[in-house]
Amino acid sequence: MARNPRKPGTVEEWQAAVDAAEALLALESARQYGLVTGGPEIDLERCEEIIREGARRGVTPAADCTKRLIDELMGVRRCRVCGCTDAEPCEEGCEWVEADLCSACAVKGKTVARRGAESAKA
């Protein structure tokens, strides 16, 4: 079967794709050193292609992309706006008002992640 991968369209999609590709390359590196075993096969060429094309468009991996992937795989809850977690809540304190939105961001009226937003705690 011929591979016909989806191509990101918006800047937000490119950011998500570049972040995922970077994090998956880190995961594959960990697997090669015996730090991780099993799991899905990672298409290294596709990851590198996404990163190169993203760079041509001015999109680079977020500093915390690998941490976010690990958190997701481990089931860590993270705010879609500020990136806080149960272990690292907002400075002013917060609680969950939605599955992926903390009360501090909800009160501030922020409900959508900013383009390329990175957690200051990462």
PDB file of N, CA and C in Angstrom:
ATOM      1  N   MET A   1       0.843  -1.177   0.000  1.00  0.00           N
ATOM      2  CA  MET A   1       0.000   0.000   0.000  1.00  0.00           C
ATOM      3  C   MET A   1       0.888   1.241   0.000  1.00  0.00           C
ATOM      4  N   ALA A   2       0.614   2.182  -0.870  1.00  0.00           N
ATOM      5  CA  ALA A   2       1.405   3.404  -0.966  1.00  0.00           C
ATOM      6  C   ALA A   2       1.105   4.317   0.213  1.00  0.00           C
ATOM      7  N   ARG A   3       2.145   4.913   0.723  1.00  0.00           N
ATOM      8  CA  ARG A   3       2.004   5.838   1.841  1.00  0.00           C
ATOM      9  C   ARG A   3       1.588   7.198   1.307  1.00  0.00           C
ATOM     10  N   ASN A   4       0.520   7.750   1.868  1.00  0.00           N
ATOM     11  CA  ASN A   4       0.053   9.066   1.470  1.00  0.00           C
ATOM     12  C   ASN A   4      -0.262   9.850   2.741  1.00  0.00           C
ATOM     13  N   PRO A   5       0.793  10.305   3.442  1.00  0.00           N
ATOM     14  CA  PRO A   5       0.564  10.973   4.723  1.00  0.00           C
ATOM     15  C   PRO A   5      -0.092  12.334   4.549  1.00  0.00           C
ATOM     16  N   ARG A   6      -0.842  12.698   5.555  1.00  0.00           N
ATOM     17  CA  ARG A   6      -1.508  13.993   5.582  1.00  0.00           C
ATOM     18  C   ARG A   6      -0.460  15.086   5.750  1.00  0.00           C
ATOM     19  N   LYS A   7      -0.644  16.186   5.069  1.00  0.00           N
ATOM     20  CA  LYS A   7       0.271  17.317   5.181  1.00  0.00           C
ATOM     21  C   LYS A   7      -0.402  18.398   6.022  1.00  0.00           C
ATOM     22  N   PRO A   8       0.308  18.934   7.022  1.00  0.00           N
ATOM     23  CA  PRO A   8      -0.270  20.008   7.828  1.00  0.00           C
ATOM     24  C   PRO A   8      -0.656  21.197   6.946  1.00  0.00           C
ATOM     25  N   GLY A   9      -1.706  21.897   7.344  1.00  0.00           N
ATOM     26  CA  GLY A   9      -2.169  23.035   6.552  1.00  0.00           C
ATOM     27  C   GLY A   9      -1.932  24.370   7.227  1.00  0.00           C
ATOM     28  N   THR A  10      -2.349  24.482   8.481  1.00  0.00           N
ATOM     29  CA  THR A  10      -2.235  25.751   9.199  1.00  0.00           C
ATOM     30  C   THR A  10      -0.925  25.818   9.975  1.00  0.00           C
ATOM     31  N   VAL A  11      -0.600  26.998  10.452  1.00  0.00           N
ATOM     32  CA  VAL A  11       0.599  27.163  11.279  1.00  0.00           C
ATOM     33  C   VAL A  11       0.490  26.304  12.535  1.00  0.00           C
ATOM     34  N   GLU A  12      -0.707  26.254  13.116  1.00  0.00           N
ATOM     35  CA  GLU A  12      -0.916  25.445  14.314  1.00  0.00           C
ATOM     36  C   GLU A  12      -0.684  23.966  14.028  1.00  0.00           C
ATOM     37  N   GLU A  13      -1.172  23.501  12.875  1.00  0.00           N
ATOM     38  CA  GLU A  13      -0.952  22.099  12.495  1.00  0.00           C
ATOM     39  C   GLU A  13       0.526  21.831  12.257  1.00  0.00           C
ATOM     40  N   TRP A  14       1.214  22.773  11.624  1.00  0.00           N
ATOM     41  CA  TRP A  14       2.653  22.601  11.410  1.00  0.00           C
ATOM     42  C   TRP A  14       3.387  22.537  12.743  1.00  0.00           C
ATOM     43  N   GLN A  15       2.991  23.399  13.701  1.00  0.00           N
ATOM     44  CA  GLN A  15       3.643  23.382  15.003  1.00  0.00           C
ATOM     45  C   GLN A  15       3.425  22.036  15.681  1.00  0.00           C
ATOM     46  N   ALA A  16       2.199  21.537  15.648  1.00  0.00           N
ATOM     47  CA  ALA A  16       1.898  20.244  16.274  1.00  0.00           C
ATOM     48  C   ALA A  16       2.678  19.115  15.603  1.00  0.00           C
ATOM     49  N   ALA A  17       2.764  19.154  14.267  1.00  0.00           N
ATOM     50  CA  ALA A  17       3.476  18.104  13.529  1.00  0.00           C
ATOM     51  C   ALA A  17       4.975  18.146  13.801  1.00  0.00           C
ATOM     52  N   VAL A  18       5.554  19.337  13.806  1.00  0.00           N
ATOM     53  CA  VAL A  18       6.987  19.492  14.072  1.00  0.00           C
ATOM     54  C   VAL A  18       7.298  19.050  15.507  1.00  0.00           C
ATOM     55  N   ASP A  19       6.458  19.444  16.454  1.00  0.00           N
ATOM     56  CA  ASP A  19       6.662  19.032  17.847  1.00  0.00           C
ATOM     57  C   ASP A  19       6.593  17.516  17.976  1.00  0.00           C
ATOM     58  N   ALA A  20       5.599  16.902  17.341  1.00  0.00           N
ATOM     59  CA  ALA A  20       5.447  15.444  17.417  1.00  0.00           C
ATOM     60  C   ALA A  20       6.647  14.750  16.786  1.00  0.00           C
ATOM     61  N   ALA A  21       7.087  15.242  15.622  1.00  0.00           N
ATOM     62  CA  ALA A  21       8.227  14.630  14.936  1.00  0.00           C
ATOM     63  C   ALA A  21       9.489  14.703  15.785  1.00  0.00           C
ATOM     64  N   GLU A  22       9.741  15.843  16.391  1.00  0.00           N
ATOM     65  CA  GLU A  22      10.926  16.019  17.240  1.00  0.00           C
ATOM     66  C   GLU A  22      10.870  15.081  18.451  1.00  0.00           C
ATOM     67  N   ALA A  23       9.712  15.016  19.072  1.00  0.00           N
ATOM     68  CA  ALA A  23       9.549  14.154  20.249  1.00  0.00           C
ATOM     69  C   ALA A  23       9.697  12.684  19.874  1.00  0.00           C
ATOM     70  N   LEU A  24       9.159  12.291  18.730  1.00  0.00           N
ATOM     71  CA  LEU A  24       9.275  10.894  18.306  1.00  0.00           C
ATOM     72  C   LEU A  24      10.713  10.526  17.960  1.00  0.00           C
ATOM     73  N   LEU A  25      11.475  11.468  17.410  1.00  0.00           N
ATOM     74  CA  LEU A  25      12.896  11.204  17.158  1.00  0.00           C
ATOM     75  C   LEU A  25      13.633  10.986  18.484  1.00  0.00           C
ATOM     76  N   ALA A  26      13.288  11.754  19.501  1.00  0.00           N
ATOM     77  CA  ALA A  26      13.903  11.570  20.822  1.00  0.00           C
ATOM     78  C   ALA A  26      13.524  10.207  21.397  1.00  0.00           C
ATOM     79  N   LEU A  27      12.273   9.815  21.211  1.00  0.00           N
ATOM     80  CA  LEU A  27      11.821   8.508  21.689  1.00  0.00           C
ATOM     81  C   LEU A  27      12.584   7.387  20.984  1.00  0.00           C
ATOM     82  N   GLU A  28      12.752   7.517  19.680  1.00  0.00           N
ATOM     83  CA  GLU A  28      13.491   6.500  18.928  1.00  0.00           C
ATOM     84  C   GLU A  28      14.946   6.443  19.377  1.00  0.00           C
ATOM     85  N   SER A  29      15.539   7.584  19.677  1.00  0.00           N
ATOM     86  CA  SER A  29      16.913   7.620  20.176  1.00  0.00           C
ATOM     87  C   SER A  29      17.009   6.884  21.512  1.00  0.00           C
ATOM     88  N   ALA A  30      16.027   7.108  22.369  1.00  0.00           N
ATOM     89  CA  ALA A  30      16.005   6.406  23.662  1.00  0.00           C
ATOM     90  C   ALA A  30      15.874   4.903  23.456  1.00  0.00           C
ATOM     91  N   ARG A  31      15.093   4.503  22.468  1.00  0.00           N
ATOM     92  CA  ARG A  31      14.923   3.077  22.172  1.00  0.00           C
ATOM     93  C   ARG A  31      16.249   2.485  21.697  1.00  0.00           C
ATOM     94  N   GLN A  32      16.987   3.205  20.859  1.00  0.00           N
ATOM     95  CA  GLN A  32      18.253   2.708  20.335  1.00  0.00           C
ATOM     96  C   GLN A  32      19.287   2.504  21.442  1.00  0.00           C
ATOM     97  N   TYR A  33      19.173   3.262  22.526  1.00  0.00           N
ATOM     98  CA  TYR A  33      20.095   3.120  23.653  1.00  0.00           C
ATOM     99  C   TYR A  33      19.566   2.170  24.717  1.00  0.00           C
ATOM    100  N   GLY A  34      18.459   1.494  24.408  1.00  0.00           N
ATOM    101  CA  GLY A  34      17.916   0.506  25.325  1.00  0.00           C
ATOM    102  C   GLY A  34      17.141   1.097  26.491  1.00  0.00           C
ATOM    103  N   LEU A  35      16.820   2.373  26.413  1.00  0.00           N
ATOM    104  CA  LEU A  35      16.089   3.037  27.492  1.00  0.00           C
ATOM    105  C   LEU A  35      14.584   2.809  27.372  1.00  0.00           C
ATOM    106  N   VAL A  36      14.145   2.479  26.159  1.00  0.00           N
ATOM    107  CA  VAL A  36      12.734   2.210  25.881  1.00  0.00           C
ATOM    108  C   VAL A  36      12.685   0.949  25.039  1.00  0.00           C
ATOM    109  N   THR A  37      11.759   0.067  25.343  1.00  0.00           N
ATOM    110  CA  THR A  37      11.581  -1.131  24.523  1.00  0.00           C
ATOM    111  C   THR A  37      10.142  -1.194  24.034  1.00  0.00           C
ATOM    112  N   GLY A  38       9.973  -1.794  22.889  1.00  0.00           N
ATOM    113  CA  GLY A  38       8.627  -1.967  22.335  1.00  0.00           C
ATOM    114  C   GLY A  38       8.050  -0.673  21.806  1.00  0.00           C
ATOM    115  N   GLY A  39       6.748  -0.710  21.586  1.00  0.00           N
ATOM    116  CA  GLY A  39       6.047   0.464  21.081  1.00  0.00           C
ATOM    117  C   GLY A  39       5.948   0.462  19.575  1.00  0.00           C
ATOM    118  N   PRO A  40       5.285   1.466  19.036  1.00  0.00           N
ATOM    119  CA  PRO A  40       5.061   1.530  17.595  1.00  0.00           C
ATOM    120  C   PRO A  40       6.346   1.837  16.825  1.00  0.00           C
ATOM    121  N   GLU A  41       6.352   1.428  15.570  1.00  0.00           N
ATOM    122  CA  GLU A  41       7.478   1.753  14.690  1.00  0.00           C
ATOM    123  C   GLU A  41       7.386   3.230  14.329  1.00  0.00           C
ATOM    124  N   ILE A  42       8.497   3.917  14.393  1.00  0.00           N
ATOM    125  CA  ILE A  42       8.534   5.351  14.083  1.00  0.00           C
ATOM    126  C   ILE A  42       9.136   5.543  12.707  1.00  0.00           C
ATOM    127  N   ASP A  43       8.452   6.310  11.880  1.00  0.00           N
ATOM    128  CA  ASP A  43       8.920   6.599  10.529  1.00  0.00           C
ATOM    129  C   ASP A  43       9.915   7.758  10.618  1.00  0.00           C
ATOM    130  N   LEU A  44      11.191   7.408  10.753  1.00  0.00           N
ATOM    131  CA  LEU A  44      12.231   8.411  10.948  1.00  0.00           C
ATOM    132  C   LEU A  44      12.331   9.373   9.769  1.00  0.00           C
ATOM    133  N   GLU A  45      12.212   8.843   8.559  1.00  0.00           N
ATOM    134  CA  GLU A  45      12.292   9.705   7.374  1.00  0.00           C
ATOM    135  C   GLU A  45      11.165  10.732   7.364  1.00  0.00           C
ATOM    136  N   ARG A  46       9.959  10.307   7.721  1.00  0.00           N
ATOM    137  CA  ARG A  46       8.820  11.231   7.751  1.00  0.00           C
ATOM    138  C   ARG A  46       9.023  12.284   8.835  1.00  0.00           C
ATOM    139  N   CYS A  47       9.531  11.874   9.991  1.00  0.00           N
ATOM    140  CA  CYS A  47       9.795  12.839  11.062  1.00  0.00           C
ATOM    141  C   CYS A  47      10.787  13.892  10.589  1.00  0.00           C
ATOM    142  N   GLU A  48      11.879  13.454   9.970  1.00  0.00           N
ATOM    143  CA  GLU A  48      12.885  14.388   9.484  1.00  0.00           C
ATOM    144  C   GLU A  48      12.325  15.289   8.387  1.00  0.00           C
ATOM    145  N   GLU A  49      11.475  14.737   7.527  1.00  0.00           N
ATOM    146  CA  GLU A  49      10.833  15.512   6.460  1.00  0.00           C
ATOM    147  C   GLU A  49       9.952  16.621   7.048  1.00  0.00           C
ATOM    148  N   ILE A  50       9.156  16.276   8.044  1.00  0.00           N
ATOM    149  CA  ILE A  50       8.275  17.258   8.692  1.00  0.00           C
ATOM    150  C   ILE A  50       9.096  18.367   9.344  1.00  0.00           C
ATOM    151  N   ILE A  51      10.177  17.994  10.033  1.00  0.00           N
ATOM    152  CA  ILE A  51      11.023  18.991  10.693  1.00  0.00           C
ATOM    153  C   ILE A  51      11.674  19.919   9.667  1.00  0.00           C
ATOM    154  N   ARG A  52      12.194  19.356   8.573  1.00  0.00           N
ATOM    155  CA  ARG A  52      12.813  20.183   7.523  1.00  0.00           C
ATOM    156  C   ARG A  52      11.799  21.135   6.905  1.00  0.00           C
ATOM    157  N   GLU A  53      10.621  20.619   6.543  1.00  0.00           N
ATOM    158  CA  GLU A  53       9.603  21.457   5.907  1.00  0.00           C
ATOM    159  C   GLU A  53       9.094  22.511   6.886  1.00  0.00           C
ATOM    160  N   GLY A  54       8.946  22.130   8.154  1.00  0.00           N
ATOM    161  CA  GLY A  54       8.534  23.103   9.162  1.00  0.00           C
ATOM    162  C   GLY A  54       9.550  24.234   9.278  1.00  0.00           C
ATOM    163  N   ALA A  55      10.836  23.890   9.286  1.00  0.00           N
ATOM    164  CA  ALA A  55      11.894  24.898   9.385  1.00  0.00           C
ATOM    165  C   ALA A  55      11.840  25.856   8.196  1.00  0.00           C
ATOM    166  N   ARG A  56      11.564  25.317   7.011  1.00  0.00           N
ATOM    167  CA  ARG A  56      11.429  26.181   5.827  1.00  0.00           C
ATOM    168  C   ARG A  56      10.272  27.164   5.986  1.00  0.00           C
ATOM    169  N   ARG A  57       9.289  26.784   6.772  1.00  0.00           N
ATOM    170  CA  ARG A  57       8.130  27.641   7.018  1.00  0.00           C
ATOM    171  C   ARG A  57       8.289  28.478   8.288  1.00  0.00           C
ATOM    172  N   GLY A  58       9.448  28.379   8.927  1.00  0.00           N
ATOM    173  CA  GLY A  58       9.700  29.154  10.129  1.00  0.00           C
ATOM    174  C   GLY A  58       9.145  28.534  11.401  1.00  0.00           C
ATOM    175  N   VAL A  59       8.838  27.235  11.347  1.00  0.00           N
ATOM    176  CA  VAL A  59       8.284  26.535  12.508  1.00  0.00           C
ATOM    177  C   VAL A  59       9.353  25.599  13.058  1.00  0.00           C
ATOM    178  N   THR A  60       9.707  25.795  14.315  1.00  0.00           N
ATOM    179  CA  THR A  60      10.700  24.954  14.964  1.00  0.00           C
ATOM    180  C   THR A  60      10.068  24.248  16.167  1.00  0.00           C
ATOM    181  N   PRO A  61      10.652  23.140  16.584  1.00  0.00           N
ATOM    182  CA  PRO A  61      10.077  22.409  17.721  1.00  0.00           C
ATOM    183  C   PRO A  61      10.056  23.244  18.995  1.00  0.00           C
ATOM    184  N   ALA A  62       8.958  23.142  19.734  1.00  0.00           N
ATOM    185  CA  ALA A  62       8.866  23.804  21.033  1.00  0.00           C
ATOM    186  C   ALA A  62       9.853  23.133  21.986  1.00  0.00           C
ATOM    187  N   ALA A  63      10.411  23.907  22.887  1.00  0.00           N
ATOM    188  CA  ALA A  63      11.420  23.391  23.817  1.00  0.00           C
ATOM    189  C   ALA A  63      10.894  22.236  24.667  1.00  0.00           C
ATOM    190  N   ASP A  64       9.595  22.220  24.927  1.00  0.00           N
ATOM    191  CA  ASP A  64       9.037  21.197  25.813  1.00  0.00           C
ATOM    192  C   ASP A  64       8.301  20.080  25.072  1.00  0.00           C
ATOM    193  N   CYS A  65       8.522  19.938  23.767  1.00  0.00           N
ATOM    194  CA  CYS A  65       7.740  18.967  22.994  1.00  0.00           C
ATOM    195  C   CYS A  65       7.966  17.520  23.435  1.00  0.00           C
ATOM    196  N   THR A  66       9.184  17.163  23.781  1.00  0.00           N
ATOM    197  CA  THR A  66       9.448  15.791  24.219  1.00  0.00           C
ATOM    198  C   THR A  66       8.801  15.537  25.582  1.00  0.00           C
ATOM    199  N   LYS A  67       8.892  16.504  26.464  1.00  0.00           N
ATOM    200  CA  LYS A  67       8.263  16.370  27.785  1.00  0.00           C
ATOM    201  C   LYS A  67       6.751  16.224  27.636  1.00  0.00           C
ATOM    202  N   ARG A  68       6.157  16.989  26.732  1.00  0.00           N
ATOM    203  CA  ARG A  68       4.707  16.898  26.538  1.00  0.00           C
ATOM    204  C   ARG A  68       4.297  15.533  25.999  1.00  0.00           C
ATOM    205  N   LEU A  69       5.099  14.955  25.087  1.00  0.00           N
ATOM    206  CA  LEU A  69       4.786  13.629  24.566  1.00  0.00           C
ATOM    207  C   LEU A  69       4.884  12.584  25.678  1.00  0.00           C
ATOM    208  N   ILE A  70       5.933  12.657  26.467  1.00  0.00           N
ATOM    209  CA  ILE A  70       6.090  11.708  27.573  1.00  0.00           C
ATOM    210  C   ILE A  70       4.918  11.844  28.545  1.00  0.00           C
ATOM    211  N   ASP A  71       4.563  13.077  28.869  1.00  0.00           N
ATOM    212  CA  ASP A  71       3.422  13.305  29.761  1.00  0.00           C
ATOM    213  C   ASP A  71       2.150  12.693  29.186  1.00  0.00           C
ATOM    214  N   GLU A  72       1.941  12.884  27.883  1.00  0.00           N
ATOM    215  CA  GLU A  72       0.740  12.341  27.240  1.00  0.00           C
ATOM    216  C   GLU A  72       0.734  10.817  27.306  1.00  0.00           C
ATOM    217  N   LEU A  73       1.873  10.207  27.029  1.00  0.00           N
ATOM    218  CA  LEU A  73       1.978   8.753  27.081  1.00  0.00           C
ATOM    219  C   LEU A  73       1.772   8.230  28.506  1.00  0.00           C
ATOM    220  N   MET A  74       2.166   9.022  29.487  1.00  0.00           N
ATOM    221  CA  MET A  74       2.042   8.637  30.892  1.00  0.00           C
ATOM    222  C   MET A  74       0.696   9.044  31.491  1.00  0.00           C
ATOM    223  N   GLY A  75      -0.133   9.715  30.699  1.00  0.00           N
ATOM    224  CA  GLY A  75      -1.454  10.112  31.180  1.00  0.00           C
ATOM    225  C   GLY A  75      -1.461  11.346  32.066  1.00  0.00           C
ATOM    226  N   VAL A  76      -0.448  12.207  31.937  1.00  0.00           N
ATOM    227  CA  VAL A  76      -0.388  13.430  32.722  1.00  0.00           C
ATOM    228  C   VAL A  76      -1.349  14.455  32.116  1.00  0.00           C
ATOM    229  N   ARG A  77      -2.193  15.021  32.959  1.00  0.00           N
ATOM    230  CA  ARG A  77      -3.153  16.045  32.529  1.00  0.00           C
ATOM    231  C   ARG A  77      -2.425  17.379  32.409  1.00  0.00           C
ATOM    232  N   ARG A  78      -2.642  18.102  31.290  1.00  0.00           N
ATOM    233  CA  ARG A  78      -1.936  19.354  31.024  1.00  0.00           C
ATOM    234  C   ARG A  78      -2.921  20.374  30.463  1.00  0.00           C
ATOM    235  N   CYS A  79      -2.845  21.620  30.929  1.00  0.00           N
ATOM    236  CA  CYS A  79      -3.701  22.691  30.429  1.00  0.00           C
ATOM    237  C   CYS A  79      -3.325  23.021  28.991  1.00  0.00           C
ATOM    238  N   ARG A  80      -4.319  23.118  28.139  1.00  0.00           N
ATOM    239  CA  ARG A  80      -4.068  23.395  26.715  1.00  0.00           C
ATOM    240  C   ARG A  80      -3.580  24.810  26.470  1.00  0.00           C
ATOM    241  N   VAL A  81      -3.711  25.701  27.438  1.00  0.00           N
ATOM    242  CA  VAL A  81      -3.298  27.095  27.261  1.00  0.00           C
ATOM    243  C   VAL A  81      -1.928  27.361  27.868  1.00  0.00           C
ATOM    244  N   CYS A  82      -1.791  27.112  29.171  1.00  0.00           N
ATOM    245  CA  CYS A  82      -0.543  27.481  29.857  1.00  0.00           C
ATOM    246  C   CYS A  82       0.406  26.313  30.072  1.00  0.00           C
ATOM    247  N   GLY A  83      -0.105  25.074  29.946  1.00  0.00           N
ATOM    248  CA  GLY A  83       0.753  23.905  30.098  1.00  0.00           C
ATOM    249  C   GLY A  83       0.912  23.414  31.524  1.00  0.00           C
ATOM    250  N   CYS A  84       0.176  23.980  32.482  1.00  0.00           N
ATOM    251  CA  CYS A  84       0.309  23.523  33.861  1.00  0.00           C
ATOM    252  C   CYS A  84      -0.192  22.083  34.002  1.00  0.00           C
ATOM    253  N   THR A  85       0.248  21.424  35.067  1.00  0.00           N
ATOM    254  CA  THR A  85      -0.159  20.047  35.352  1.00  0.00           C
ATOM    255  C   THR A  85      -0.523  19.961  36.839  1.00  0.00           C
ATOM    256  N   ASP A  86      -0.996  18.796  37.271  1.00  0.00           N
ATOM    257  CA  ASP A  86      -1.268  18.597  38.689  1.00  0.00           C
ATOM    258  C   ASP A  86       0.014  18.772  39.506  1.00  0.00           C
ATOM    259  N   ALA A  87       1.116  18.279  38.980  1.00  0.00           N
ATOM    260  CA  ALA A  87       2.391  18.356  39.689  1.00  0.00           C
ATOM    261  C   ALA A  87       3.011  19.747  39.629  1.00  0.00           C
ATOM    262  N   GLU A  88       2.692  20.502  38.578  1.00  0.00           N
ATOM    263  CA  GLU A  88       3.239  21.845  38.397  1.00  0.00           C
ATOM    264  C   GLU A  88       2.100  22.804  38.075  1.00  0.00           C
ATOM    265  N   PRO A  89       1.292  23.170  39.079  1.00  0.00           N
ATOM    266  CA  PRO A  89       0.159  24.063  38.835  1.00  0.00           C
ATOM    267  C   PRO A  89       0.609  25.500  38.576  1.00  0.00           C
ATOM    268  N   CYS A  90      -0.321  26.342  38.195  1.00  0.00           N
ATOM    269  CA  CYS A  90      -0.035  27.764  37.989  1.00  0.00           C
ATOM    270  C   CYS A  90       0.445  28.383  39.298  1.00  0.00           C
ATOM    271  N   GLU A  91       1.258  29.424  39.180  1.00  0.00           N
ATOM    272  CA  GLU A  91       1.784  30.112  40.357  1.00  0.00           C
ATOM    273  C   GLU A  91       0.678  30.557  41.301  1.00  0.00           C
ATOM    274  N   GLU A  92      -0.412  31.085  40.717  1.00  0.00           N
ATOM    275  CA  GLU A  92      -1.510  31.589  41.532  1.00  0.00           C
ATOM    276  C   GLU A  92      -2.436  30.478  42.019  1.00  0.00           C
ATOM    277  N   GLY A  93      -2.127  29.253  41.639  1.00  0.00           N
ATOM    278  CA  GLY A  93      -2.961  28.110  42.009  1.00  0.00           C
ATOM    279  C   GLY A  93      -4.090  27.933  41.003  1.00  0.00           C
ATOM    280  N   CYS A  94      -4.476  26.704  40.784  1.00  0.00           N
ATOM    281  CA  CYS A  94      -5.545  26.439  39.829  1.00  0.00           C
ATOM    282  C   CYS A  94      -6.103  25.044  40.056  1.00  0.00           C
ATOM    283  N   GLU A  95      -7.225  24.792  39.420  1.00  0.00           N
ATOM    284  CA  GLU A  95      -7.835  23.464  39.414  1.00  0.00           C
ATOM    285  C   GLU A  95      -8.434  23.257  38.038  1.00  0.00           C
ATOM    286  N   TRP A  96      -8.889  22.061  37.768  1.00  0.00           N
ATOM    287  CA  TRP A  96      -9.410  21.736  36.436  1.00  0.00           C
ATOM    288  C   TRP A  96     -10.871  22.155  36.297  1.00  0.00           C
ATOM    289  N   VAL A  97     -11.148  22.917  35.236  1.00  0.00           N
ATOM    290  CA  VAL A  97     -12.538  23.290  34.927  1.00  0.00           C
ATOM    291  C   VAL A  97     -13.029  22.542  33.688  1.00  0.00           C
ATOM    292  N   GLU A  98     -12.114  22.053  32.902  1.00  0.00           N
ATOM    293  CA  GLU A  98     -12.385  21.172  31.766  1.00  0.00           C
ATOM    294  C   GLU A  98     -11.268  20.135  31.761  1.00  0.00           C
ATOM    295  N   ALA A  99     -11.388  19.122  30.939  1.00  0.00           N
ATOM    296  CA  ALA A  99     -10.382  18.062  30.897  1.00  0.00           C
ATOM    297  C   ALA A  99      -8.985  18.610  30.621  1.00  0.00           C
ATOM    298  N   ASP A 100      -8.894  19.697  29.846  1.00  0.00           N
ATOM    299  CA  ASP A 100      -7.587  20.249  29.490  1.00  0.00           C
ATOM    300  C   ASP A 100      -7.536  21.774  29.639  1.00  0.00           C
ATOM    301  N   LEU A 101      -8.265  22.307  30.623  1.00  0.00           N
ATOM    302  CA  LEU A 101      -8.265  23.751  30.865  1.00  0.00           C
ATOM    303  C   LEU A 101      -8.278  24.007  32.366  1.00  0.00           C
ATOM    304  N   CYS A 102      -7.305  24.800  32.832  1.00  0.00           N
ATOM    305  CA  CYS A 102      -7.233  25.106  34.263  1.00  0.00           C
ATOM    306  C   CYS A 102      -8.058  26.350  34.581  1.00  0.00           C
ATOM    307  N   SER A 103      -8.387  26.479  35.855  1.00  0.00           N
ATOM    308  CA  SER A 103      -9.232  27.592  36.294  1.00  0.00           C
ATOM    309  C   SER A 103      -8.550  28.945  36.094  1.00  0.00           C
ATOM    310  N   ALA A 104      -7.219  29.010  36.243  1.00  0.00           N
ATOM    311  CA  ALA A 104      -6.511  30.280  36.067  1.00  0.00           C
ATOM    312  C   ALA A 104      -6.670  30.796  34.635  1.00  0.00           C
ATOM    313  N   CYS A 105      -6.565  29.917  33.668  1.00  0.00           N
ATOM    314  CA  CYS A 105      -6.725  30.330  32.266  1.00  0.00           C
ATOM    315  C   CYS A 105      -8.184  30.624  31.943  1.00  0.00           C
ATOM    316  N   ALA A 106      -9.095  29.860  32.523  1.00  0.00           N
ATOM    317  CA  ALA A 106     -10.519  30.078  32.285  1.00  0.00           C
ATOM    318  C   ALA A 106     -10.941  31.444  32.822  1.00  0.00           C
ATOM    319  N   VAL A 107     -10.448  31.808  33.994  1.00  0.00           N
ATOM    320  CA  VAL A 107     -10.782  33.101  34.602  1.00  0.00           C
ATOM    321  C   VAL A 107     -10.230  34.241  33.754  1.00  0.00           C
ATOM    322  N   LYS A 108      -9.067  34.042  33.176  1.00  0.00           N
ATOM    323  CA  LYS A 108      -8.445  35.067  32.329  1.00  0.00           C
ATOM    324  C   LYS A 108      -9.081  35.112  30.949  1.00  0.00           C
ATOM    325  N   GLY A 109     -10.017  34.201  30.678  1.00  0.00           N
ATOM    326  CA  GLY A 109     -10.684  34.172  29.384  1.00  0.00           C
ATOM    327  C   GLY A 109      -9.865  33.528  28.291  1.00  0.00           C
ATOM    328  N   LYS A 110      -8.802  32.846  28.667  1.00  0.00           N
ATOM    329  CA  LYS A 110      -7.957  32.161  27.693  1.00  0.00           C
ATOM    330  C   LYS A 110      -8.442  30.724  27.583  1.00  0.00           C
ATOM    331  N   THR A 111      -8.955  30.352  26.427  1.00  0.00           N
ATOM    332  CA  THR A 111      -9.448  28.986  26.259  1.00  0.00           C
ATOM    333  C   THR A 111      -8.803  28.282  25.082  1.00  0.00           C
ATOM    334  N   VAL A 112      -7.993  29.001  24.301  1.00  0.00           N
ATOM    335  CA  VAL A 112      -7.345  28.408  23.140  1.00  0.00           C
ATOM    336  C   VAL A 112      -5.841  28.613  23.286  1.00  0.00           C
ATOM    337  N   ALA A 113      -5.097  27.569  23.013  1.00  0.00           N
ATOM    338  CA  ALA A 113      -3.641  27.647  23.117  1.00  0.00           C
ATOM    339  C   ALA A 113      -3.091  28.676  22.148  1.00  0.00           C
ATOM    340  N   ARG A 114      -2.126  29.417  22.612  1.00  0.00           N
ATOM    341  CA  ARG A 114      -1.450  30.387  21.752  1.00  0.00           C
ATOM    342  C   ARG A 114      -0.541  29.648  20.784  1.00  0.00           C
ATOM    343  N   ARG A 115      -0.326  30.217  19.592  1.00  0.00           N
ATOM    344  CA  ARG A 115       0.564  29.621  18.597  1.00  0.00           C
ATOM    345  C   ARG A 115       1.950  29.447  19.194  1.00  0.00           C
ATOM    346  N   GLY A 116       2.423  28.208  19.195  1.00  0.00           N
ATOM    347  CA  GLY A 116       3.773  27.917  19.672  1.00  0.00           C
ATOM    348  C   GLY A 116       3.934  28.123  21.165  1.00  0.00           C
ATOM    349  N   ALA A 117       2.817  28.156  21.896  1.00  0.00           N
ATOM    350  CA  ALA A 117       2.897  28.367  23.353  1.00  0.00           C
ATOM    351  C   ALA A 117       3.710  27.263  23.996  1.00  0.00           C
ATOM    352  N   GLU A 118       4.561  27.656  24.918  1.00  0.00           N
ATOM    353  CA  GLU A 118       5.380  26.692  25.640  1.00  0.00           C
ATOM    354  C   GLU A 118       5.170  26.917  27.124  1.00  0.00           C
ATOM    355  N   SER A 119       5.193  25.869  27.852  1.00  0.00           N
ATOM    356  CA  SER A 119       5.075  25.973  29.308  1.00  0.00           C
ATOM    357  C   SER A 119       6.331  26.618  29.869  1.00  0.00           C
ATOM    358  N   ALA A 120       6.152  27.625  30.683  1.00  0.00           N
ATOM    359  CA  ALA A 120       7.292  28.277  31.305  1.00  0.00           C
ATOM    360  C   ALA A 120       7.957  27.351  32.321  1.00  0.00           C
ATOM    361  N   LYS A 121       7.234  26.322  32.736  1.00  0.00           N
ATOM    362  CA  LYS A 121       7.749  25.397  33.742  1.00  0.00           C
ATOM    363  C   LYS A 121       8.569  24.273  33.127  1.00  0.00           C
ATOM    364  N   ALA A 122       8.513  24.106  31.806  1.00  0.00           N
ATOM    365  CA  ALA A 122       9.168  22.967  31.148  1.00  0.00           C
ATOM    366  C   ALA A 122      10.667  23.098  31.171  1.00  0.00           C
TER     367      ALA A 122
END
